[in-house]
Amino acid sequence: MSDDVRYPEADLLIGGATIADFIQTLVDPACEVTPKMVFHWIEQGHLPVKRIGSRIIASKSVIRRRLFPA
């Protein structure tokens, strides 16, 4: 069971696939967001992420603000 199901208010995303799944919920469903795309965006500096060891972590609220600035 994902943390989003147990803790819907959870803000932390761990891993490229989880980040891709979250971004997919924010954009047009016809536009597939893959983990490969997310890793490319991270390498290009387009997504605000951090690392814990080899794991990529991100914040839902920070990603929302980066992709949809007010």
Protein backbone atom coordinates (compact mmCIF):
# COMPACT_ATOMS: atom_id res chain seq x y z
CA MET A 1 0.00 0.00 0.00
CA SER A 2 1.43 3.37 -0.98
CA ASP A 3 1.88 6.10 1.62
CA ASP A 4 -0.59 8.28 -0.30
CA VAL A 5 -3.36 5.81 0.55
CA ARG A 6 -2.44 5.58 4.22
CA TYR A 7 -1.47 9.25 4.59
CA PRO A 8 -3.25 11.33 1.93
CA GLU A 9 -1.73 14.55 3.28
CA ALA A 10 1.83 13.17 2.95
CA ASP A 11 4.07 15.52 1.00
CA LEU A 12 7.20 13.40 0.50
CA LEU A 13 7.81 11.49 -2.73
CA ILE A 14 10.56 8.86 -2.87
CA GLY A 15 11.88 7.55 -6.18
CA GLY A 16 11.62 8.55 -9.82
CA ALA A 17 8.57 6.38 -10.54
CA THR A 18 6.64 7.87 -7.61
CA ILE A 19 7.55 11.39 -8.72
CA ALA A 20 6.45 10.57 -12.29
CA ASP A 21 3.13 9.18 -11.01
CA PHE A 22 2.52 12.34 -9.01
CA ILE A 23 3.33 14.67 -11.91
CA GLN A 24 1.01 12.58 -14.09
CA THR A 25 -1.87 13.51 -11.75
CA LEU A 26 -1.14 17.21 -12.38
CA VAL A 27 -1.00 17.24 -16.17
CA ASP A 28 -3.18 16.23 -19.11
CA PRO A 29 -3.83 12.45 -18.89
CA ALA A 30 -3.11 12.16 -22.62
CA CYS A 31 0.47 13.30 -21.94
CA GLU A 32 2.25 10.35 -20.32
CA VAL A 33 4.94 11.22 -17.78
CA THR A 34 7.51 8.44 -17.45
CA PRO A 35 10.29 7.92 -14.91
CA LYS A 36 12.78 8.35 -17.78
CA MET A 37 11.35 11.81 -18.45
CA VAL A 38 11.54 12.68 -14.76
CA PHE A 39 15.21 11.62 -14.56
CA HIS A 40 15.97 13.78 -17.60
CA TRP A 41 14.16 16.79 -16.05
CA ILE A 42 16.15 16.26 -12.84
CA GLU A 43 19.45 16.16 -14.77
CA GLN A 44 18.47 19.37 -16.55
CA GLY A 45 17.62 21.09 -13.25
CA HIS A 46 13.92 21.47 -14.06
CA LEU A 47 12.64 19.57 -11.01
CA PRO A 48 13.54 20.50 -7.43
CA VAL A 49 14.72 17.27 -5.81
CA LYS A 50 17.19 16.15 -3.17
CA ARG A 51 19.01 12.87 -2.64
CA ILE A 52 19.31 10.62 0.35
CA GLY A 53 22.11 8.32 -0.67
CA SER A 54 21.12 7.04 -4.10
CA ARG A 55 17.39 7.72 -3.53
CA ILE A 56 15.74 10.74 -5.13
CA ILE A 57 13.23 12.55 -2.92
CA ALA A 58 10.91 15.43 -3.66
CA SER A 59 8.08 17.41 -2.13
CA LYS A 60 4.64 17.47 -3.77
CA SER A 61 4.08 21.10 -2.77
CA VAL A 62 7.48 22.22 -4.10
CA ILE A 63 6.94 20.40 -7.41
CA ARG A 64 3.51 22.02 -7.76
CA ARG A 65 5.00 25.48 -7.15
CA ARG A 66 7.79 24.85 -9.69
CA LEU A 67 5.49 23.55 -12.42
CA PHE A 68 2.63 25.99 -11.78
CA PRO A 69 4.03 29.25 -10.37
CA ALA A 70 1.46 31.69 -9.04
